[in-house]
Amino acid sequence: MFLQEACFLGALCLNSMPLAT
């Protein structure tokens, strides 16, 4: 599903490079 994939990708992305704006 989109939501599940988005959540997974989002978590991975955040883990890889957190959005510290």
C-alpha atoms as a PDB file:
ATOM      1  CA  MET A   1       0.000   0.000   0.000  1.00  0.00           C
ATOM      2  CA  PHE A   2       1.007   3.599  -0.486  1.00  0.00           C
ATOM      3  CA  LEU A   3       0.693   4.553   3.172  1.00  0.00           C
ATOM      4  CA  GLN A   4       2.686   1.577   4.377  1.00  0.00           C
ATOM      5  CA  GLU A   5       5.405   2.088   1.797  1.00  0.00           C
ATOM      6  CA  ALA A   6       5.479   5.831   2.436  1.00  0.00           C
ATOM      7  CA  CYS A   7       5.782   5.236   6.178  1.00  0.00           C
ATOM      8  CA  PHE A   8       8.596   2.716   5.686  1.00  0.00           C
ATOM      9  CA  LEU A   9      10.465   4.906   3.204  1.00  0.00           C
ATOM     10  CA  GLY A  10       9.891   7.958   5.354  1.00  0.00           C
ATOM     11  CA  ALA A  11      11.234   6.218   8.452  1.00  0.00           C
ATOM     12  CA  LEU A  12      14.250   4.956   6.514  1.00  0.00           C
ATOM     13  CA  CYS A  13      14.907   8.370   5.014  1.00  0.00           C
ATOM     14  CA  LEU A  14      14.598  10.056   8.401  1.00  0.00           C
ATOM     15  CA  ASN A  15      16.898   7.457   9.920  1.00  0.00           C
ATOM     16  CA  SER A  16      19.429   7.904   7.129  1.00  0.00           C
ATOM     17  CA  MET A  17      19.353  11.687   7.163  1.00  0.00           C
ATOM     18  CA  PRO A  18      17.056  13.320   9.752  1.00  0.00           C
ATOM     19  CA  LEU A  19      15.414  16.586   8.722  1.00  0.00           C
ATOM     20  CA  ALA A  20      17.218  18.928  11.101  1.00  0.00           C
ATOM     21  CA  THR A  21      16.074  22.202   9.616  1.00  0.00           C
END
